[in-house]
Amino acid sequence: MDFWLFPFLALAAILTEALTGYPQVLFRWIGHPVTWIGALIAALDDALNRPEHGEDIRRALGVVALAIIIGLPTLAAFLLDRLIGFHPIGFAALAILASTLLAQRSLYVHVAQVSVGLRVSLEEGRTAVGRIVGRNPAYLDEAGVSRAAIESLAENLSDGIVAPVFYMTILGFPGGVAYKAVNTADSMIGHKTERHGAFGWASARFDDLVNLPASRLSALFLVLAAATMRGASPRQAVQAVFRDAQHHRSPNAGWPEAATAGALGLALNGPKVYGNTRVNDATMGNGRRDVGPDDIDRALALYVRALTIQAIIVFIAALGLALL
């Protein structure tokens, strides 16, 4: 596929995923591309991450594993692109495959379920938020559940949507697949645990690197979205990003979280509990911490506007390249 078609592919993937999501019947029949990548990661983890190896060896083997995790799916995507990408039907097929790399619709649905659940009971809200965050929901009150949902929405806007769209726009279908492989590796083995602290080191650090552009773009989209939304403040969003994002323990998550917090007049992040371990983190934004389901709904409205702005920008890029 010629490079000028990359933005058109990204735009087609955005629209396809927004309209249809990933059909559950397909998931039951054949799984999902991310589950296929996950199976590769799990196999490499079992084969290479041996407890009898020292830390240096496990770290080196983690680098080898990451190269395979990126290389095999990206090579498959490149060959598929070469085989069918130039034909109109092939382009449509690639757009459908590329749409599976995005999580616009599913993220909206899962976060909205937290808002709906909280309106029933705190336990329903905890159950819903437990599906999308790693922290222990048993420690969360209604405000904590609401903040967790909004934080997950902001962070996943960046690595679940903006990042794969960004790499697809500049590198085509193989670029989107390569990014998804890195991100999936980080989510599975990029943890600071006894088993994965050394073996997953390369995956975690490389994921931080490749997410740098998308996290900044996500903050920009959220600031622009705030300018279009009644009751949101683009000025406070900008202030929160420049004041708070750098203090987040993640080099990337703080950008969209701070932008969301500032735009909506909230205070997000801060201390939290994973399992039974308390983690102290910086607060994003200087607004209210007493957050509820109405604030989740406002965050979802901001999210939809940010996605719309991204789609418009990708469309402009596609049109510009087509006219060159």
Protein backbone atom coordinates (compact mmCIF):
# COMPACT_ATOMS: atom_id res chain seq x y z
CA MET A 1 0.00 0.00 0.00
CA ASP A 2 1.35 3.45 -0.94
CA PHE A 3 2.12 5.75 2.00
CA TRP A 4 -0.49 8.31 0.92
CA LEU A 5 -3.18 5.70 1.61
CA PHE A 6 -2.11 5.23 5.24
CA PRO A 7 -4.31 8.04 6.62
CA PHE A 8 -7.27 6.75 4.59
CA LEU A 9 -6.75 3.30 6.13
CA ALA A 10 -6.59 4.84 9.61
CA LEU A 11 -9.77 6.82 8.97
CA ALA A 12 -11.57 3.74 7.62
CA ALA A 13 -10.48 1.79 10.72
CA ILE A 14 -11.73 4.58 13.01
CA LEU A 15 -15.15 4.66 11.36
CA THR A 16 -15.48 0.86 11.17
CA GLU A 17 -14.66 0.33 14.84
CA ALA A 18 -16.87 3.22 15.97
CA LEU A 19 -19.85 1.82 14.07
CA THR A 20 -19.48 -1.91 14.71
CA GLY A 21 -16.86 -2.63 17.36
CA TYR A 22 -15.56 -6.20 17.32
CA PRO A 23 -18.43 -8.69 16.97
CA GLN A 24 -18.66 -11.04 19.95
CA VAL A 25 -19.50 -13.94 17.65
CA LEU A 26 -16.10 -13.50 15.95
CA PHE A 27 -14.39 -13.35 19.32
CA ARG A 28 -16.00 -16.64 20.33
CA TRP A 29 -15.09 -18.28 17.02
CA ILE A 30 -11.57 -17.08 16.32
CA GLY A 31 -10.52 -14.85 19.21
CA HIS A 32 -9.06 -11.40 18.58
CA PRO A 33 -5.73 -10.23 17.06
CA VAL A 34 -4.64 -9.06 20.51
CA THR A 35 -5.36 -12.52 21.94
CA TRP A 36 -3.22 -14.02 19.16
CA ILE A 37 -0.36 -11.70 20.08
CA GLY A 38 -1.02 -12.49 23.72
CA ALA A 39 -0.66 -16.22 23.03
CA LEU A 40 2.76 -15.56 21.44
CA ILE A 41 3.83 -13.49 24.46
CA ALA A 42 2.67 -16.17 26.90
CA ALA A 43 4.57 -18.86 24.99
CA LEU A 44 7.78 -16.82 25.01
CA ASP A 45 7.33 -16.03 28.69
CA ASP A 46 7.03 -19.73 29.49
CA ALA A 47 9.96 -20.72 27.26
CA LEU A 48 12.49 -17.98 28.05
CA ASN A 49 11.64 -16.52 31.45
CA ARG A 50 13.17 -19.22 33.61
CA PRO A 51 13.62 -18.63 37.37
CA GLU A 52 17.01 -20.41 37.32
CA HIS A 53 18.46 -17.68 35.07
CA GLY A 54 20.10 -14.67 36.67
CA GLU A 55 18.68 -11.18 36.32
CA ASP A 56 21.06 -10.12 33.52
CA ILE A 57 20.25 -13.19 31.44
CA ARG A 58 16.50 -12.74 31.96
CA ARG A 59 16.78 -9.10 30.92
CA ALA A 60 18.69 -10.06 27.76
CA LEU A 61 16.16 -12.79 26.96
CA GLY A 62 13.41 -10.21 27.48
CA VAL A 63 15.00 -8.11 24.73
CA VAL A 64 15.03 -11.16 22.44
CA ALA A 65 11.40 -11.88 23.31
CA LEU A 66 10.37 -8.30 22.56
CA ALA A 67 12.07 -8.46 19.14
CA ILE A 68 10.09 -11.62 18.33
CA ILE A 69 6.85 -10.18 19.74
CA ILE A 70 7.18 -7.15 17.48
CA GLY A 71 8.79 -8.86 14.50
CA LEU A 72 6.46 -11.80 13.82
CA PRO A 73 3.10 -9.94 13.87
CA THR A 74 4.58 -6.97 11.99
CA LEU A 75 6.03 -9.24 9.30
CA ALA A 76 2.66 -10.98 8.93
CA ALA A 77 0.93 -7.58 8.66
CA PHE A 78 3.46 -6.38 6.07
CA LEU A 79 3.01 -9.49 3.92
CA LEU A 80 -0.76 -9.19 4.14
CA ASP A 81 -0.55 -5.54 3.18
CA ARG A 82 1.64 -6.40 0.18
CA LEU A 83 -0.70 -9.18 -0.93
CA ILE A 84 -4.08 -7.43 -0.74
CA GLY A 85 -3.54 -3.75 0.08
CA PHE A 86 -3.59 -2.41 -3.48
CA HIS A 87 -6.99 -3.86 -4.40
CA PRO A 88 -10.16 -2.03 -3.31
CA ILE A 89 -11.55 -5.18 -1.70
CA GLY A 90 -8.18 -5.78 -0.10
CA PHE A 91 -8.19 -2.24 1.29
CA ALA A 92 -11.62 -2.86 2.82
CA ALA A 93 -10.38 -6.10 4.37
CA LEU A 94 -7.34 -4.33 5.80
CA ALA A 95 -9.57 -1.59 7.20
CA ILE A 96 -11.65 -4.21 9.03
CA LEU A 97 -8.51 -5.86 10.39
CA ALA A 98 -7.04 -2.48 11.35
CA SER A 99 -10.24 -1.59 13.23
CA THR A 100 -9.52 -4.45 15.65
CA LEU A 101 -6.45 -2.52 16.83
CA LEU A 102 -8.68 0.25 18.24
CA ALA A 103 -10.84 0.31 21.37
CA GLN A 104 -13.06 3.37 20.92
CA ARG A 105 -16.42 1.67 21.23
CA SER A 106 -15.54 -0.94 23.85
CA LEU A 107 -13.83 1.65 26.08
CA TYR A 108 -16.91 3.88 25.94
CA VAL A 109 -19.20 0.96 26.76
CA HIS A 110 -17.11 -0.29 29.70
CA VAL A 111 -16.75 3.15 31.27
CA ALA A 112 -20.44 3.94 30.75
CA GLN A 113 -21.28 0.70 32.57
CA VAL A 114 -19.52 2.08 35.65
CA SER A 115 -21.78 5.14 35.59
CA VAL A 116 -24.86 2.94 35.18
CA GLY A 117 -23.68 0.57 37.91
CA LEU A 118 -23.09 3.35 40.44
CA ARG A 119 -26.63 4.58 39.92
CA VAL A 120 -27.81 1.12 41.04
CA SER A 121 -25.43 0.58 43.96
CA LEU A 122 -21.83 1.01 45.03
CA GLU A 123 -21.23 -2.73 44.62
CA GLU A 124 -22.48 -2.64 41.02
CA GLY A 125 -20.12 0.26 40.33
CA ARG A 126 -17.19 -1.58 41.93
CA THR A 127 -17.91 -4.66 39.84
CA ALA A 128 -18.02 -2.61 36.63
CA VAL A 129 -14.84 -0.65 37.36
CA GLY A 130 -13.03 -3.85 38.36
CA ARG A 131 -13.27 -4.93 34.71
CA ILE A 132 -11.20 -1.99 33.48
CA VAL A 133 -8.69 -1.12 36.23
CA GLY A 134 -5.99 -3.07 38.05
CA ARG A 135 -6.54 -1.56 41.47
CA ASN A 136 -8.57 -3.25 44.18
CA PRO A 137 -12.16 -1.91 43.89
CA ALA A 138 -13.01 -3.09 47.42
CA TYR A 139 -11.10 -0.08 48.75
CA LEU A 140 -13.04 2.41 46.60
CA ASP A 141 -16.01 4.49 47.66
CA GLU A 142 -18.30 6.07 45.04
CA ALA A 143 -15.89 8.92 44.39
CA GLY A 144 -12.98 6.48 44.11
CA VAL A 145 -14.86 4.28 41.64
CA SER A 146 -15.78 7.33 39.57
CA ARG A 147 -12.22 8.67 39.53
CA ALA A 148 -10.86 5.25 38.57
CA ALA A 149 -13.26 5.04 35.62
CA ILE A 150 -12.35 8.53 34.38
CA GLU A 151 -8.62 7.88 34.81
CA SER A 152 -8.93 4.64 32.84
CA LEU A 153 -10.87 6.46 30.12
CA ALA A 154 -8.18 9.15 29.82
CA GLU A 155 -5.22 6.76 29.85
CA ASN A 156 -6.79 4.32 27.39
CA LEU A 157 -7.70 7.15 25.03
CA SER A 158 -3.97 7.49 24.52
CA ASP A 159 -2.70 3.91 24.32
CA GLY A 160 -5.90 2.23 23.14
CA ILE A 161 -6.86 4.64 20.37
CA VAL A 162 -4.63 7.63 19.65
CA ALA A 163 -1.39 5.62 19.59
CA PRO A 164 -2.51 2.90 17.14
CA VAL A 165 -4.14 5.55 14.92
CA PHE A 166 -0.95 7.62 14.99
CA TYR A 167 1.29 4.72 13.96
CA MET A 168 -1.22 3.52 11.38
CA THR A 169 -1.36 7.00 9.87
CA ILE A 170 2.41 7.29 9.45
CA LEU A 171 3.41 3.63 8.98
CA GLY A 172 0.30 1.91 7.68
CA PHE A 173 -1.22 -1.36 8.86
CA PRO A 174 2.17 -2.88 9.88
CA GLY A 175 2.84 0.18 12.03
CA GLY A 176 -0.45 -0.23 13.87
CA VAL A 177 0.22 -3.93 14.44
CA ALA A 178 3.76 -3.25 15.69
CA TYR A 179 2.44 -0.73 18.19
CA LYS A 180 -0.25 -3.12 19.42
CA ALA A 181 2.36 -5.84 19.90
CA VAL A 182 4.49 -3.53 22.06
CA ASN A 183 1.51 -2.37 24.10
CA THR A 184 0.24 -5.91 24.66
CA ALA A 185 3.70 -7.03 25.76
CA ASP A 186 3.83 -4.21 28.30
CA SER A 187 0.39 -5.11 29.68
CA MET A 188 1.34 -8.78 30.07
CA ILE A 189 5.00 -8.81 31.13
CA GLY A 190 5.97 -5.18 31.72
CA HIS A 191 5.36 -5.31 35.47
CA LYS A 192 7.78 -4.68 38.33
CA THR A 193 7.21 -8.08 39.88
CA GLU A 194 9.67 -10.79 40.89
CA ARG A 195 8.84 -12.77 37.75
CA HIS A 196 8.76 -9.94 35.22
CA GLY A 197 10.91 -7.17 36.67
CA ALA A 198 13.92 -8.21 34.57
CA PHE A 199 12.31 -10.17 31.72
CA GLY A 200 9.69 -7.48 31.05
CA TRP A 201 12.05 -4.53 31.46
CA ALA A 202 12.57 -4.00 27.71
CA SER A 203 8.84 -4.25 26.99
CA ALA A 204 7.97 -1.69 29.67
CA ARG A 205 10.67 0.80 28.64
CA PHE A 206 9.92 0.48 24.91
CA ASP A 207 6.20 0.94 25.54
CA ASP A 208 6.98 4.16 27.43
CA LEU A 209 8.99 5.36 24.43
CA VAL A 210 6.49 4.57 21.68
CA ASN A 211 3.63 6.12 23.68
CA LEU A 212 5.32 9.50 24.06
CA PRO A 213 3.81 11.06 20.88
CA ALA A 214 0.30 9.71 21.49
CA SER A 215 0.11 10.85 25.11
CA ARG A 216 0.93 14.42 24.08
CA LEU A 217 -1.49 14.27 21.16
CA SER A 218 -4.21 12.91 23.46
CA ALA A 219 -3.77 15.88 25.78
CA LEU A 220 -4.01 18.22 22.79
CA PHE A 221 -7.20 16.57 21.54
CA LEU A 222 -8.73 16.82 25.02
CA VAL A 223 -7.86 20.50 25.28
CA LEU A 224 -9.45 21.14 21.88
CA ALA A 225 -12.45 19.05 22.90
CA ALA A 226 -12.87 21.12 26.06
CA ALA A 227 -13.09 24.23 23.88
CA THR A 228 -16.18 22.75 22.19
CA MET A 229 -17.96 21.57 25.35
CA ARG A 230 -20.19 23.63 27.59
CA GLY A 231 -18.92 23.68 31.16
CA ALA A 232 -15.42 22.46 30.26
CA SER A 233 -12.31 24.64 30.47
CA PRO A 234 -9.53 24.38 27.86
CA ARG A 235 -7.49 26.92 29.82
CA GLN A 236 -7.55 24.86 33.01
CA ALA A 237 -6.81 21.74 30.96
CA VAL A 238 -3.63 23.34 29.61
CA GLN A 239 -2.64 24.56 33.08
CA ALA A 240 -3.13 21.10 34.59
CA VAL A 241 -1.05 19.44 31.85
CA PHE A 242 1.93 21.75 32.29
CA ARG A 243 1.67 21.78 36.09
CA ASP A 244 0.88 18.14 36.89
CA ALA A 245 1.60 15.70 34.03
CA GLN A 246 5.34 15.54 34.68
CA HIS A 247 4.74 14.42 38.28
CA HIS A 248 2.77 11.28 37.35
CA ARG A 249 4.68 8.06 37.96
CA SER A 250 4.04 7.18 34.30
CA PRO A 251 5.82 9.33 31.70
CA ASN A 252 2.70 9.21 29.53
CA ALA A 253 -0.50 8.60 31.51
CA GLY A 254 -0.29 11.96 33.25
CA TRP A 255 -0.84 13.93 30.05
CA PRO A 256 -4.39 12.80 29.18
CA GLU A 257 -5.31 12.41 32.86
CA ALA A 258 -4.22 15.95 33.70
CA ALA A 259 -5.95 17.35 30.61
CA THR A 260 -9.20 15.57 31.54
CA ALA A 261 -8.99 16.66 35.17
CA GLY A 262 -8.33 20.29 34.28
CA ALA A 263 -11.00 20.39 31.59
CA LEU A 264 -13.68 19.04 33.95
CA GLY A 265 -12.55 20.80 37.14
CA LEU A 266 -11.60 17.54 38.90
CA ALA A 267 -8.69 16.13 40.88
CA LEU A 268 -7.72 12.68 39.57
CA ASN A 269 -5.07 10.07 40.35
CA GLY A 270 -3.34 10.36 43.73
CA PRO A 271 -2.88 7.44 46.20
CA LYS A 272 -4.44 4.10 45.21
CA VAL A 273 -4.35 0.43 46.19
CA TYR A 274 -3.28 -2.41 43.85
CA GLY A 275 -4.10 -5.75 45.46
CA ASN A 276 -3.18 -4.94 49.05
CA THR A 277 -0.34 -2.56 48.16
CA ARG A 278 -0.82 1.17 48.53
CA VAL A 279 0.81 3.27 45.80
CA ASN A 280 1.32 6.98 46.30
CA ASP A 281 1.06 9.00 43.10
CA ALA A 282 0.69 12.66 42.26
CA THR A 283 -2.71 14.28 41.89
CA MET A 284 -3.71 15.47 38.43
CA GLY A 285 -5.76 18.67 38.48
CA ASN A 286 -6.71 20.84 41.45
CA GLY A 287 -10.49 20.56 41.35
CA ARG A 288 -13.01 18.33 43.13
CA ARG A 289 -12.16 14.84 44.38
CA ASP A 290 -15.81 14.24 45.23
CA VAL A 291 -16.56 12.73 41.82
CA GLY A 292 -19.73 10.87 40.84
CA PRO A 293 -21.50 9.19 37.91
CA ASP A 294 -22.48 12.56 36.41
CA ASP A 295 -18.78 13.35 36.11
CA ILE A 296 -18.20 10.03 34.35
CA ASP A 297 -20.85 11.04 31.83
CA ARG A 298 -19.13 14.42 31.33
CA ALA A 299 -15.80 12.66 30.82
CA LEU A 300 -17.40 10.40 28.21
CA ALA A 301 -18.78 13.45 26.39
CA LEU A 302 -15.30 14.99 26.38
CA TYR A 303 -13.86 11.67 25.14
CA VAL A 304 -16.28 11.53 22.20
CA ARG A 305 -15.33 15.09 21.21
CA ALA A 306 -11.63 14.23 21.41
CA LEU A 307 -12.17 11.21 19.15
CA THR A 308 -14.09 13.37 16.68
CA ILE A 309 -11.25 15.89 16.57
CA GLN A 310 -8.76 13.09 15.95
CA ALA A 311 -10.88 11.75 13.08
CA ILE A 312 -11.11 15.22 11.52
CA ILE A 313 -7.33 15.66 11.72
CA VAL A 314 -6.72 12.25 10.13
CA PHE A 315 -9.21 13.14 7.39
CA ILE A 316 -7.39 16.43 6.72
CA ALA A 317 -4.07 14.54 6.55
CA ALA A 318 -5.55 12.03 4.12
CA LEU A 319 -7.01 14.75 1.92
CA GLY A 320 -3.76 16.70 1.96
CA LEU A 321 -1.69 13.69 0.87
CA ALA A 322 -4.21 12.80 -1.85
CA LEU A 323 -3.96 16.31 -3.30
CA LEU A 324 -0.14 16.40 -3.36
